[in-house]
N, C-alpha and C. Protein backbone atom coordinates (compact mmCIF):
# COMPACT_ATOMS: atom_id res chain seq x y z
N MET A 1 -10.28 -28.83 16.32
CA MET A 1 -10.70 -27.48 16.06
C MET A 1 -9.23 -27.13 15.24
N ASN A 2 -8.39 -27.48 15.36
CA ASN A 2 -7.04 -27.20 14.56
C ASN A 2 -7.71 -26.92 13.05
N ASN A 3 -8.35 -28.00 12.55
CA ASN A 3 -9.00 -28.05 11.12
C ASN A 3 -9.89 -26.52 10.72
N PHE A 4 -10.49 -26.51 12.07
CA PHE A 4 -11.39 -25.29 11.98
C PHE A 4 -10.86 -24.09 11.68
N MET A 5 -9.66 -23.89 12.53
CA MET A 5 -8.40 -22.85 12.49
C MET A 5 -7.92 -22.51 11.45
N ASN A 6 -7.44 -23.68 10.68
CA ASN A 6 -6.92 -23.59 9.35
C ASN A 6 -7.79 -23.09 8.15
N MET A 7 -8.95 -23.87 8.57
CA MET A 7 -9.94 -23.60 7.52
C MET A 7 -10.19 -21.85 7.33
N TYR A 8 -10.30 -21.38 9.09
CA TYR A 8 -10.84 -19.92 8.38
C TYR A 8 -10.01 -18.77 8.98
N PHE A 9 -8.43 -19.42 9.39
CA PHE A 9 -7.67 -17.96 9.65
C PHE A 9 -6.43 -18.75 9.07
N GLY A 10 -6.12 -19.77 7.85
CA GLY A 10 -4.94 -20.14 7.53
C GLY A 10 -4.65 -19.25 6.46
N PRO A 11 -3.54 -19.71 5.51
CA PRO A 11 -2.78 -18.95 4.69
C PRO A 11 -3.60 -19.07 3.71
N LEU A 12 -3.89 -18.25 2.58
CA LEU A 12 -4.67 -18.98 1.26
C LEU A 12 -3.82 -18.89 -0.22
N ASN A 13 -4.08 -19.50 -1.33
CA ASN A 13 -3.76 -20.31 -2.11
C ASN A 13 -3.24 -18.62 -2.76
N LYS A 14 -2.54 -19.08 -3.87
CA LYS A 14 -1.74 -18.09 -4.59
C LYS A 14 -2.60 -17.54 -5.35
N GLU A 15 -3.57 -18.15 -5.96
CA GLU A 15 -4.65 -17.64 -7.06
C GLU A 15 -5.29 -16.35 -6.31
N TRP A 16 -5.30 -16.30 -4.80
CA TRP A 16 -5.99 -14.85 -4.07
C TRP A 16 -5.17 -13.84 -4.38
N CYS A 17 -3.87 -14.16 -4.75
CA CYS A 17 -3.33 -12.62 -5.33
C CYS A 17 -3.91 -12.15 -6.16
N ASN A 18 -4.93 -12.43 -7.24
CA ASN A 18 -5.11 -12.12 -8.20
C ASN A 18 -6.70 -11.00 -7.80
N TYR A 19 -6.44 -10.99 -6.59
CA TYR A 19 -7.61 -10.08 -5.96
C TYR A 19 -7.20 -9.03 -6.10
N PHE A 20 -5.77 -8.64 -5.58
CA PHE A 20 -5.09 -7.54 -5.54
C PHE A 20 -4.78 -7.09 -6.83
N LEU A 21 -4.37 -7.78 -8.04
CA LEU A 21 -4.10 -7.21 -9.23
C LEU A 21 -5.59 -6.77 -9.66
N VAL A 22 -6.57 -6.90 -9.72
CA VAL A 22 -8.32 -7.08 -9.94
C VAL A 22 -8.11 -5.09 -9.50
N LEU A 23 -7.72 -5.08 -8.30
CA LEU A 23 -8.34 -4.02 -7.88
C LEU A 23 -6.98 -3.05 -8.46
N THR A 24 -5.84 -3.35 -8.92
CA THR A 24 -5.00 -2.26 -9.03
C THR A 24 -5.46 -2.43 -10.33
N ILE A 25 -5.76 -2.81 -11.43
CA ILE A 25 -6.26 -2.70 -12.71
C ILE A 25 -7.30 -1.64 -12.58
N ILE A 26 -8.52 -1.82 -11.58
CA ILE A 26 -9.47 -1.17 -11.56
C ILE A 26 -9.21 0.51 -10.71
N SER A 27 -8.34 0.20 -9.84
CA SER A 27 -7.86 1.45 -9.40
C SER A 27 -7.04 2.61 -10.70
N PHE A 28 -6.66 1.54 -11.52
CA PHE A 28 -5.47 2.65 -12.17
C PHE A 28 -6.82 3.21 -13.25
N GLY A 29 -7.63 2.13 -13.78
CA GLY A 29 -8.31 2.78 -14.75
C GLY A 29 -9.16 4.01 -14.21
N PHE A 30 -9.70 3.78 -12.87
CA PHE A 30 -10.37 5.06 -12.10
C PHE A 30 -9.52 6.16 -12.45
N LEU A 31 -8.18 6.12 -12.15
CA LEU A 31 -7.26 7.48 -11.94
C LEU A 31 -7.09 7.75 -13.33
N VAL A 32 -6.72 7.13 -14.23
CA VAL A 32 -6.47 7.63 -15.54
C VAL A 32 -7.73 8.55 -15.87
N PHE A 33 -9.00 7.50 -15.55
CA PHE A 33 -10.41 8.30 -15.95
C PHE A 33 -10.85 9.61 -15.47
N LEU A 34 -10.22 9.59 -14.07
CA LEU A 34 -10.50 10.85 -13.34
C LEU A 34 -9.48 12.17 -13.79
N VAL A 35 -7.74 11.75 -13.98
CA VAL A 35 -7.04 12.60 -14.75
C VAL A 35 -8.06 13.41 -15.83
N PHE A 36 -8.43 12.51 -16.74
CA PHE A 36 -8.84 13.13 -18.27
C PHE A 36 -9.95 14.02 -17.81
N THR A 37 -10.94 13.82 -16.60
CA THR A 37 -12.11 14.34 -16.61
C THR A 37 -11.54 15.64 -15.88
N GLU A 38 -10.96 15.66 -14.86
CA GLU A 38 -10.54 16.89 -14.20
C GLU A 38 -9.72 17.70 -15.42
N ILE A 39 -8.97 17.43 -16.04
CA ILE A 39 -8.44 18.18 -17.43
C ILE A 39 -9.82 18.82 -18.15
N LEU A 40 -10.62 18.18 -18.23
CA LEU A 40 -11.47 18.71 -19.22
C LEU A 40 -12.24 19.49 -18.61
N TYR A 41 -12.72 19.26 -17.36
CA TYR A 41 -13.30 20.04 -16.46
C TYR A 41 -12.30 21.87 -16.18
N ILE A 42 -11.32 21.95 -16.06
CA ILE A 42 -10.56 23.00 -15.97
C ILE A 42 -10.38 23.46 -17.23
N PHE A 43 -10.38 23.15 -18.31
CA PHE A 43 -10.29 23.55 -19.38
C PHE A 43 -11.82 24.32 -20.09
N LYS A 44 -13.02 23.03 -20.12
CA LYS A 44 -14.04 23.88 -20.00
C LYS A 44 -14.61 24.90 -19.27
N ASN A 45 -14.31 24.72 -18.10
CA ASN A 45 -14.65 26.16 -16.97
C ASN A 45 -13.81 26.69 -16.54
N PHE A 46 -12.90 27.45 -17.45
CA PHE A 46 -11.65 27.86 -17.28
C PHE A 46 -12.06 29.28 -16.67
N ARG A 47 -12.74 30.20 -17.08
CA ARG A 47 -13.50 31.84 -16.99
C ARG A 47 -13.92 31.58 -15.25
N THR A 48 -15.05 30.49 -15.32
CA THR A 48 -15.75 30.45 -14.12
C THR A 48 -15.24 28.92 -13.01
N ILE A 49 -14.24 28.89 -13.06
CA ILE A 49 -13.43 28.02 -12.40
C ILE A 49 -14.01 27.90 -10.58
N ASN A 50 -14.41 26.79 -10.44
CA ASN A 50 -14.93 26.73 -9.02
C ASN A 50 -13.78 26.06 -7.95
N PHE A 51 -13.02 26.55 -6.91
CA PHE A 51 -12.01 26.08 -6.30
C PHE A 51 -12.53 25.02 -5.32
N ARG A 52 -13.81 24.78 -5.04
CA ARG A 52 -14.01 23.61 -4.36
C ARG A 52 -14.26 22.77 -5.13
N ALA A 53 -14.05 22.53 -6.35
CA ALA A 53 -14.45 21.55 -7.46
C ALA A 53 -13.39 21.13 -7.47
N ILE A 54 -12.15 21.87 -7.66
CA ILE A 54 -10.71 21.57 -8.13
C ILE A 54 -10.22 20.96 -6.91
N ILE A 55 -10.43 21.50 -5.71
CA ILE A 55 -9.98 20.86 -4.45
C ILE A 55 -10.61 19.18 -4.40
N SER A 56 -11.54 19.05 -4.61
CA SER A 56 -12.15 17.93 -4.59
C SER A 56 -11.99 17.09 -5.37
N GLY A 57 -11.58 17.36 -6.42
CA GLY A 57 -10.63 16.56 -7.60
C GLY A 57 -9.31 15.90 -7.26
N VAL A 58 -8.68 17.16 -6.88
CA VAL A 58 -7.33 16.88 -6.48
C VAL A 58 -7.33 15.61 -5.28
N THR A 59 -8.31 15.75 -4.01
CA THR A 59 -8.70 15.31 -3.43
C THR A 59 -8.86 13.45 -3.63
N LEU A 60 -9.72 13.26 -4.87
CA LEU A 60 -9.79 12.68 -4.98
C LEU A 60 -9.05 11.38 -6.22
N LEU A 61 -8.07 12.47 -6.81
CA LEU A 61 -6.93 11.93 -7.20
C LEU A 61 -5.88 11.25 -6.27
N ILE A 62 -5.43 12.03 -5.54
CA ILE A 62 -4.85 11.42 -4.28
C ILE A 62 -5.68 9.84 -3.75
N ASN A 63 -6.50 10.23 -3.57
CA ASN A 63 -7.10 9.19 -2.94
C ASN A 63 -7.25 7.68 -4.07
N LEU A 64 -7.39 7.82 -4.96
CA LEU A 64 -7.30 7.18 -6.62
C LEU A 64 -5.62 6.55 -6.55
N PHE A 65 -4.84 7.30 -6.15
CA PHE A 65 -3.30 7.33 -6.33
C PHE A 65 -2.96 6.09 -5.21
N LEU A 66 -3.19 6.54 -4.08
CA LEU A 66 -2.82 5.92 -3.24
C LEU A 66 -3.79 4.27 -2.94
N ALA A 67 -4.91 4.30 -3.60
CA ALA A 67 -5.57 3.03 -3.76
C ALA A 67 -4.48 1.89 -4.73
N TYR A 68 -3.93 2.54 -6.03
CA TYR A 68 -3.38 1.87 -6.78
C TYR A 68 -2.03 1.56 -6.18
N ILE A 69 -1.33 2.55 -5.79
CA ILE A 69 -0.21 1.97 -4.76
C ILE A 69 -0.14 1.04 -3.95
N PHE A 70 -1.41 1.35 -3.18
CA PHE A 70 -1.34 0.04 -2.19
C PHE A 70 -1.84 -1.17 -2.53
N ASN A 71 -2.82 -1.27 -3.64
CA ASN A 71 -2.79 -2.66 -4.50
C ASN A 71 -2.09 -3.00 -5.06
N ARG A 72 -1.21 -2.54 -5.92
CA ARG A 72 0.16 -2.57 -6.41
C ARG A 72 0.84 -3.52 -5.54
N LEU A 73 1.39 -2.69 -4.01
CA LEU A 73 1.97 -3.01 -3.18
C LEU A 73 1.65 -4.75 -3.03
N LEU A 74 0.33 -4.60 -2.14
CA LEU A 74 -0.07 -6.08 -1.96
C LEU A 74 -0.06 -6.92 -2.95
N TYR A 75 -0.24 -6.74 -3.91
CA TYR A 75 -0.08 -7.45 -5.15
C TYR A 75 1.39 -8.08 -5.07
N THR A 76 2.51 -7.58 -5.11
CA THR A 76 3.68 -7.89 -5.31
C THR A 76 3.97 -8.69 -3.62
N MET A 77 3.66 -7.90 -2.84
CA MET A 77 4.15 -8.94 -1.52
C MET A 77 3.13 -10.15 -1.40
N CYS A 78 2.09 -10.01 -1.77
CA CYS A 78 1.45 -11.72 -2.08
C CYS A 78 2.14 -12.62 -2.92
N ASN A 79 2.81 -12.02 -4.55
CA ASN A 79 3.40 -12.97 -5.24
C ASN A 79 4.59 -13.08 -4.65
N LYS A 80 5.28 -12.72 -3.56
CA LYS A 80 6.46 -12.28 -3.63
C LYS A 80 6.43 -13.66 -2.10
N SER A 81 6.06 -13.62 -1.37
CA SER A 81 5.99 -14.52 -0.34
C SER A 81 5.21 -15.62 -0.31
N ILE A 82 4.67 -16.24 -1.41
CA ILE A 82 4.15 -17.50 -1.70
C ILE A 82 4.72 -17.88 -2.73
N VAL A 83 5.71 -18.54 -2.90
CA VAL A 83 6.86 -18.93 -4.01
C VAL A 83 6.24 -20.28 -3.89
């Protein structure tokens, strides 16, 4: 029973910290892409700008920024806790 608990609920190796690093890189890539997309959209449709599109873009930016920060924080915590 103890082996079962350690196998499924025990601590993972330090290599698993790379999972958060990959998520951080992906989130940052999407964040940069969305910033450029939003800027391009604003410049292209300046005369007929849609307020809903701007609000949804800003909401996506906030979501991606928070995902980037959370994954970066989790990666840092994982690396510092497993020495």
